[in-house]
Amino acid sequence: MPQSERPEGETPQREVPQRRTPQQWATLVQEYEASGESQRAFCAERGIGQSSLRYWRRRLEEGRDNAGAPGARTARLVAVKLIEETPALAASGLVVVTARGVRIEVARDFDAAVLARVVAALEAAA
């Protein structure tokens, strides 16, 4: 409504931005990158903020760097080399050696809560 037609004291209503899922943002980022348009033009056509597009481009790019897929978490499957059981390993339920050489041994009767805290601490440090 034009300001001249608005009752005195009434403020204009702002449109609430649409919430989008990470998948919707991934699609928008792919469309933007394929469009050849400037960020300003692309965002104006779709009614999205340039800062939101920049944020999601950066976030999705970090996801690709960490796990190879847009928006994916950093956890991923890796190749595992099986070796013959030795007496030292027989008491262990699980042995994990990371790419950086960190060795984690989990006994057969491990405490799941302790393991969860160790994993959380390692993820936070990464």
N, C-alpha and C. Protein backbone atom coordinates (compact mmCIF):
# COMPACT_ATOMS: atom_id res chain seq x y z
N MET A 1 0.85 -1.17 0.00
CA MET A 1 0.00 0.00 0.00
C MET A 1 0.90 1.23 0.00
N PRO A 2 0.71 2.18 -0.92
CA PRO A 2 1.52 3.41 -0.94
C PRO A 2 1.38 4.15 0.38
N GLN A 3 2.41 4.87 0.75
CA GLN A 3 2.43 5.56 2.04
C GLN A 3 1.27 6.55 2.15
N SER A 4 0.87 7.21 1.04
CA SER A 4 -0.20 8.19 1.08
C SER A 4 -1.54 7.54 1.40
N GLU A 5 -1.73 6.25 1.10
CA GLU A 5 -2.99 5.57 1.37
C GLU A 5 -2.99 4.84 2.71
N ARG A 6 -1.83 4.76 3.40
CA ARG A 6 -1.72 4.03 4.65
C ARG A 6 -2.26 4.91 5.78
N PRO A 7 -3.10 4.34 6.67
CA PRO A 7 -3.59 5.12 7.81
C PRO A 7 -2.42 5.64 8.63
N GLU A 8 -2.61 6.81 9.23
CA GLU A 8 -1.56 7.44 10.01
C GLU A 8 -1.12 6.54 11.16
N GLY A 9 0.17 6.43 11.37
CA GLY A 9 0.72 5.63 12.45
C GLY A 9 0.93 4.17 12.10
N GLU A 10 0.41 3.71 10.98
CA GLU A 10 0.58 2.30 10.60
C GLU A 10 1.89 2.15 9.85
N THR A 11 2.67 1.17 10.27
CA THR A 11 3.96 0.94 9.61
C THR A 11 3.80 -0.13 8.53
N PRO A 12 4.61 -0.03 7.49
CA PRO A 12 4.52 -1.03 6.43
C PRO A 12 4.93 -2.40 6.95
N GLN A 13 4.31 -3.44 6.45
CA GLN A 13 4.63 -4.80 6.87
C GLN A 13 5.74 -5.34 6.00
N ARG A 14 6.72 -5.95 6.65
CA ARG A 14 7.82 -6.58 5.93
C ARG A 14 7.46 -8.01 5.62
N GLU A 15 7.84 -8.44 4.45
CA GLU A 15 7.60 -9.83 4.07
C GLU A 15 8.60 -10.71 4.83
N VAL A 16 8.10 -11.79 5.42
CA VAL A 16 8.95 -12.72 6.16
C VAL A 16 9.69 -13.60 5.14
N PRO A 17 11.04 -13.68 5.26
CA PRO A 17 11.78 -14.50 4.30
C PRO A 17 11.37 -15.97 4.39
N GLN A 18 11.38 -16.63 3.24
CA GLN A 18 11.04 -18.05 3.18
C GLN A 18 12.20 -18.86 3.75
N ARG A 19 11.90 -19.83 4.60
CA ARG A 19 12.93 -20.73 5.12
C ARG A 19 13.14 -21.83 4.10
N ARG A 20 14.39 -22.11 3.80
CA ARG A 20 14.73 -23.14 2.83
C ARG A 20 15.55 -24.23 3.50
N THR A 21 15.42 -25.42 3.00
CA THR A 21 16.19 -26.55 3.52
C THR A 21 17.59 -26.50 2.93
N PRO A 22 18.55 -27.21 3.53
CA PRO A 22 19.88 -27.28 2.93
C PRO A 22 19.85 -27.82 1.50
N GLN A 23 18.96 -28.76 1.20
CA GLN A 23 18.85 -29.27 -0.17
C GLN A 23 18.38 -28.18 -1.12
N GLN A 24 17.41 -27.37 -0.68
CA GLN A 24 16.94 -26.27 -1.53
C GLN A 24 18.08 -25.27 -1.78
N TRP A 25 18.88 -24.99 -0.75
CA TRP A 25 20.01 -24.09 -0.93
C TRP A 25 21.05 -24.69 -1.87
N ALA A 26 21.27 -26.00 -1.76
CA ALA A 26 22.22 -26.65 -2.66
C ALA A 26 21.77 -26.49 -4.11
N THR A 27 20.47 -26.63 -4.34
CA THR A 27 19.92 -26.46 -5.69
C THR A 27 20.10 -25.01 -6.15
N LEU A 28 19.78 -24.06 -5.28
CA LEU A 28 19.95 -22.64 -5.65
C LEU A 28 21.40 -22.31 -5.95
N VAL A 29 22.32 -22.83 -5.15
CA VAL A 29 23.75 -22.56 -5.38
C VAL A 29 24.18 -23.15 -6.72
N GLN A 30 23.73 -24.36 -7.04
CA GLN A 30 24.07 -24.97 -8.33
C GLN A 30 23.49 -24.15 -9.48
N GLU A 31 22.25 -23.68 -9.32
CA GLU A 31 21.63 -22.85 -10.37
C GLU A 31 22.41 -21.56 -10.55
N TYR A 32 22.81 -20.94 -9.43
CA TYR A 32 23.58 -19.69 -9.51
C TYR A 32 24.90 -19.92 -10.25
N GLU A 33 25.62 -20.98 -9.86
CA GLU A 33 26.93 -21.23 -10.45
C GLU A 33 26.82 -21.54 -11.94
N ALA A 34 25.72 -22.14 -12.37
CA ALA A 34 25.53 -22.46 -13.78
C ALA A 34 24.95 -21.29 -14.57
N SER A 35 24.40 -20.29 -13.88
CA SER A 35 23.66 -19.21 -14.55
C SER A 35 24.54 -18.21 -15.28
N GLY A 36 25.72 -17.95 -14.77
CA GLY A 36 26.56 -16.91 -15.36
C GLY A 36 26.12 -15.51 -14.98
N GLU A 37 25.08 -15.40 -14.15
CA GLU A 37 24.57 -14.10 -13.72
C GLU A 37 25.40 -13.57 -12.55
N SER A 38 25.30 -12.26 -12.34
CA SER A 38 25.92 -11.69 -11.14
C SER A 38 25.10 -12.14 -9.93
N GLN A 39 25.74 -12.14 -8.76
CA GLN A 39 25.00 -12.49 -7.54
C GLN A 39 23.81 -11.56 -7.36
N ARG A 40 24.02 -10.28 -7.61
CA ARG A 40 22.95 -9.30 -7.41
C ARG A 40 21.73 -9.64 -8.27
N ALA A 41 21.96 -9.89 -9.56
CA ALA A 41 20.84 -10.18 -10.48
C ALA A 41 20.17 -11.50 -10.11
N PHE A 42 20.97 -12.54 -9.84
CA PHE A 42 20.42 -13.85 -9.50
C PHE A 42 19.55 -13.76 -8.25
N CYS A 43 20.06 -13.10 -7.22
CA CYS A 43 19.33 -12.99 -5.95
C CYS A 43 18.08 -12.14 -6.09
N ALA A 44 18.16 -11.06 -6.85
CA ALA A 44 17.01 -10.18 -7.04
C ALA A 44 15.87 -10.92 -7.75
N GLU A 45 16.22 -11.72 -8.75
CA GLU A 45 15.20 -12.48 -9.50
C GLU A 45 14.46 -13.48 -8.60
N ARG A 46 15.18 -14.02 -7.62
CA ARG A 46 14.60 -15.07 -6.78
C ARG A 46 14.18 -14.59 -5.39
N GLY A 47 14.42 -13.32 -5.12
CA GLY A 47 14.01 -12.77 -3.83
C GLY A 47 14.81 -13.31 -2.66
N ILE A 48 16.10 -13.57 -2.89
CA ILE A 48 16.95 -14.04 -1.80
C ILE A 48 18.06 -13.02 -1.55
N GLY A 49 18.58 -13.03 -0.34
CA GLY A 49 19.65 -12.10 0.02
C GLY A 49 21.00 -12.58 -0.50
N GLN A 50 21.81 -11.64 -0.94
CA GLN A 50 23.15 -12.00 -1.42
C GLN A 50 23.98 -12.61 -0.30
N SER A 51 23.82 -12.10 0.91
CA SER A 51 24.61 -12.65 2.02
C SER A 51 24.20 -14.09 2.30
N SER A 52 22.92 -14.42 2.12
CA SER A 52 22.47 -15.80 2.32
C SER A 52 23.08 -16.72 1.26
N LEU A 53 23.10 -16.25 0.01
CA LEU A 53 23.68 -17.05 -1.06
C LEU A 53 25.17 -17.26 -0.79
N ARG A 54 25.90 -16.22 -0.38
CA ARG A 54 27.33 -16.37 -0.08
C ARG A 54 27.55 -17.35 1.06
N TYR A 55 26.73 -17.24 2.12
CA TYR A 55 26.84 -18.13 3.27
C TYR A 55 26.68 -19.59 2.83
N TRP A 56 25.63 -19.86 2.06
CA TRP A 56 25.37 -21.24 1.66
C TRP A 56 26.39 -21.75 0.66
N ARG A 57 26.90 -20.91 -0.21
CA ARG A 57 27.97 -21.35 -1.12
C ARG A 57 29.18 -21.79 -0.32
N ARG A 58 29.56 -20.98 0.67
CA ARG A 58 30.72 -21.31 1.51
C ARG A 58 30.45 -22.59 2.32
N ARG A 59 29.28 -22.69 2.94
CA ARG A 59 28.94 -23.85 3.76
C ARG A 59 28.92 -25.14 2.94
N LEU A 60 28.33 -25.08 1.76
CA LEU A 60 28.26 -26.26 0.91
C LEU A 60 29.63 -26.62 0.35
N GLU A 61 30.45 -25.62 0.05
CA GLU A 61 31.80 -25.90 -0.44
C GLU A 61 32.62 -26.58 0.65
N GLU A 62 32.48 -26.14 1.89
CA GLU A 62 33.18 -26.80 3.00
C GLU A 62 32.72 -28.24 3.13
N GLY A 63 31.44 -28.49 2.94
CA GLY A 63 30.92 -29.85 2.99
C GLY A 63 31.51 -30.72 1.89
N ARG A 64 31.68 -30.15 0.69
CA ARG A 64 32.28 -30.91 -0.41
C ARG A 64 33.73 -31.25 -0.09
N ASP A 65 34.45 -30.28 0.49
CA ASP A 65 35.85 -30.51 0.84
C ASP A 65 35.98 -31.62 1.87
N ASN A 66 35.05 -31.66 2.81
CA ASN A 66 35.15 -32.62 3.91
C ASN A 66 34.64 -34.00 3.55
N ALA A 67 33.60 -34.08 2.72
CA ALA A 67 33.01 -35.39 2.49
C ALA A 67 32.65 -35.68 1.05
N GLY A 68 32.91 -34.75 0.14
CA GLY A 68 32.69 -35.03 -1.26
C GLY A 68 31.29 -34.81 -1.78
N ALA A 69 30.34 -34.41 -0.94
CA ALA A 69 28.97 -34.20 -1.39
C ALA A 69 28.44 -32.91 -0.78
N PRO A 70 27.63 -32.17 -1.52
CA PRO A 70 27.11 -30.92 -0.98
C PRO A 70 26.36 -31.13 0.33
N GLY A 71 26.75 -30.38 1.33
CA GLY A 71 26.04 -30.41 2.60
C GLY A 71 26.27 -31.66 3.43
N ALA A 72 27.15 -32.54 3.00
CA ALA A 72 27.36 -33.79 3.74
C ALA A 72 28.13 -33.52 5.03
N ARG A 73 27.95 -34.34 5.98
CA ARG A 73 28.68 -34.26 7.24
C ARG A 73 30.12 -34.72 7.00
N THR A 74 31.00 -34.46 7.97
CA THR A 74 32.40 -34.82 7.79
C THR A 74 32.67 -36.31 7.95
N ALA A 75 31.76 -37.05 8.58
CA ALA A 75 31.96 -38.49 8.73
C ALA A 75 31.81 -39.17 7.38
N ARG A 76 32.64 -40.16 7.12
CA ARG A 76 32.56 -40.88 5.85
C ARG A 76 33.14 -42.27 6.01
N LEU A 77 32.85 -43.12 5.06
CA LEU A 77 33.39 -44.46 5.06
C LEU A 77 34.79 -44.45 4.47
N VAL A 78 35.64 -45.29 5.01
CA VAL A 78 37.00 -45.40 4.49
C VAL A 78 37.35 -46.87 4.34
N ALA A 79 38.36 -47.13 3.53
CA ALA A 79 38.83 -48.50 3.34
C ALA A 79 39.46 -49.00 4.63
N VAL A 80 39.25 -50.27 4.92
CA VAL A 80 39.79 -50.88 6.13
C VAL A 80 40.64 -52.07 5.72
N LYS A 81 41.85 -52.14 6.25
CA LYS A 81 42.74 -53.27 5.97
C LYS A 81 42.63 -54.24 7.14
N LEU A 82 42.21 -55.45 6.86
CA LEU A 82 42.11 -56.47 7.90
C LEU A 82 43.44 -57.19 8.03
N ILE A 83 43.83 -57.43 9.27
CA ILE A 83 45.07 -58.16 9.53
C ILE A 83 44.75 -59.37 10.39
N GLU A 84 45.66 -60.30 10.41
CA GLU A 84 45.45 -61.49 11.24
C GLU A 84 45.43 -61.09 12.71
N GLU A 85 44.64 -61.82 13.48
CA GLU A 85 44.56 -61.54 14.90
C GLU A 85 45.85 -61.98 15.57
N THR A 86 46.40 -61.11 16.39
CA THR A 86 47.61 -61.42 17.16
C THR A 86 47.24 -61.40 18.63
N PRO A 87 48.07 -61.96 19.51
CA PRO A 87 47.74 -61.95 20.94
C PRO A 87 47.47 -60.56 21.48
N ALA A 88 48.19 -59.56 21.02
CA ALA A 88 47.98 -58.19 21.51
C ALA A 88 46.60 -57.67 21.11
N LEU A 89 46.17 -58.07 19.92
CA LEU A 89 44.88 -57.59 19.43
C LEU A 89 43.72 -58.45 19.92
N ALA A 90 44.00 -59.67 20.37
CA ALA A 90 42.94 -60.58 20.76
C ALA A 90 42.11 -60.03 21.91
N ALA A 91 42.72 -59.29 22.82
CA ALA A 91 41.99 -58.73 23.97
C ALA A 91 41.17 -57.52 23.55
N SER A 92 41.47 -56.99 22.39
CA SER A 92 40.80 -55.79 21.93
C SER A 92 39.59 -56.15 21.06
N GLY A 93 38.51 -55.39 21.23
CA GLY A 93 37.34 -55.61 20.39
C GLY A 93 37.48 -54.91 19.06
N LEU A 94 38.21 -53.79 19.05
CA LEU A 94 38.30 -52.98 17.85
C LEU A 94 39.54 -52.11 17.92
N VAL A 95 40.25 -51.99 16.81
CA VAL A 95 41.40 -51.10 16.72
C VAL A 95 41.18 -50.23 15.49
N VAL A 96 41.30 -48.92 15.69
CA VAL A 96 41.17 -47.96 14.59
C VAL A 96 42.46 -47.16 14.53
N VAL A 97 43.03 -47.05 13.34
CA VAL A 97 44.21 -46.21 13.14
C VAL A 97 43.83 -45.17 12.10
N THR A 98 43.89 -43.89 12.46
CA THR A 98 43.50 -42.82 11.55
C THR A 98 44.59 -42.57 10.52
N ALA A 99 44.28 -41.77 9.53
CA ALA A 99 45.25 -41.43 8.49
C ALA A 99 46.46 -40.71 9.07
N ARG A 100 46.28 -40.04 10.19
CA ARG A 100 47.38 -39.32 10.85
C ARG A 100 48.15 -40.22 11.81
N GLY A 101 47.77 -41.50 11.88
CA GLY A 101 48.50 -42.43 12.73
C GLY A 101 47.98 -42.54 14.15
N VAL A 102 46.88 -41.90 14.45
CA VAL A 102 46.30 -42.01 15.79
C VAL A 102 45.67 -43.38 15.90
N ARG A 103 46.03 -44.10 16.98
CA ARG A 103 45.53 -45.46 17.19
C ARG A 103 44.54 -45.46 18.34
N ILE A 104 43.36 -46.01 18.10
CA ILE A 104 42.32 -46.11 19.12
C ILE A 104 41.96 -47.58 19.28
N GLU A 105 42.13 -48.10 20.49
CA GLU A 105 41.76 -49.49 20.78
C GLU A 105 40.54 -49.48 21.69
N VAL A 106 39.55 -50.24 21.32
CA VAL A 106 38.32 -50.34 22.10
C VAL A 106 38.20 -51.79 22.55
N ALA A 107 38.19 -52.01 23.86
CA ALA A 107 38.10 -53.36 24.41
C ALA A 107 36.72 -53.96 24.13
N ARG A 108 36.64 -55.26 24.18
CA ARG A 108 35.38 -55.94 23.91
C ARG A 108 34.29 -55.51 24.89
N ASP A 109 34.65 -55.21 26.11
CA ASP A 109 33.67 -54.81 27.13
C ASP A 109 33.73 -53.30 27.40
N PHE A 110 33.83 -52.52 26.34
CA PHE A 110 34.00 -51.07 26.47
C PHE A 110 32.77 -50.40 27.06
N ASP A 111 33.00 -49.19 27.60
CA ASP A 111 31.93 -48.35 28.15
C ASP A 111 31.49 -47.41 27.02
N ALA A 112 30.27 -47.59 26.52
CA ALA A 112 29.78 -46.82 25.38
C ALA A 112 29.76 -45.32 25.66
N ALA A 113 29.46 -44.92 26.88
CA ALA A 113 29.42 -43.48 27.22
C ALA A 113 30.81 -42.87 27.12
N VAL A 114 31.82 -43.59 27.59
CA VAL A 114 33.19 -43.09 27.51
C VAL A 114 33.62 -42.98 26.05
N LEU A 115 33.32 -44.00 25.25
CA LEU A 115 33.66 -43.96 23.83
C LEU A 115 32.97 -42.78 23.15
N ALA A 116 31.72 -42.52 23.47
CA ALA A 116 30.99 -41.39 22.87
C ALA A 116 31.67 -40.07 23.22
N ARG A 117 32.13 -39.93 24.46
CA ARG A 117 32.83 -38.69 24.87
C ARG A 117 34.18 -38.56 24.14
N VAL A 118 34.87 -39.66 23.97
CA VAL A 118 36.16 -39.62 23.26
C VAL A 118 35.94 -39.21 21.81
N VAL A 119 34.97 -39.82 21.16
CA VAL A 119 34.67 -39.49 19.76
C VAL A 119 34.27 -38.03 19.64
N ALA A 120 33.42 -37.54 20.55
CA ALA A 120 32.99 -36.13 20.51
C ALA A 120 34.19 -35.20 20.67
N ALA A 121 35.09 -35.55 21.58
CA ALA A 121 36.28 -34.72 21.79
C ALA A 121 37.17 -34.72 20.55
N LEU A 122 37.33 -35.86 19.91
CA LEU A 122 38.13 -35.93 18.70
C LEU A 122 37.50 -35.13 17.56
N GLU A 123 36.17 -35.22 17.41
CA GLU A 123 35.49 -34.46 16.37
C GLU A 123 35.61 -32.96 16.60
N ALA A 124 35.51 -32.55 17.88
CA ALA A 124 35.61 -31.13 18.21
C ALA A 124 37.01 -30.60 17.92
N ALA A 125 38.03 -31.45 18.09
CA ALA A 125 39.41 -31.02 17.88
C ALA A 125 39.79 -30.99 16.40
N ALA A 126 39.04 -31.67 15.56
CA ALA A 126 39.38 -31.77 14.13
C ALA A 126 39.13 -30.49 13.39
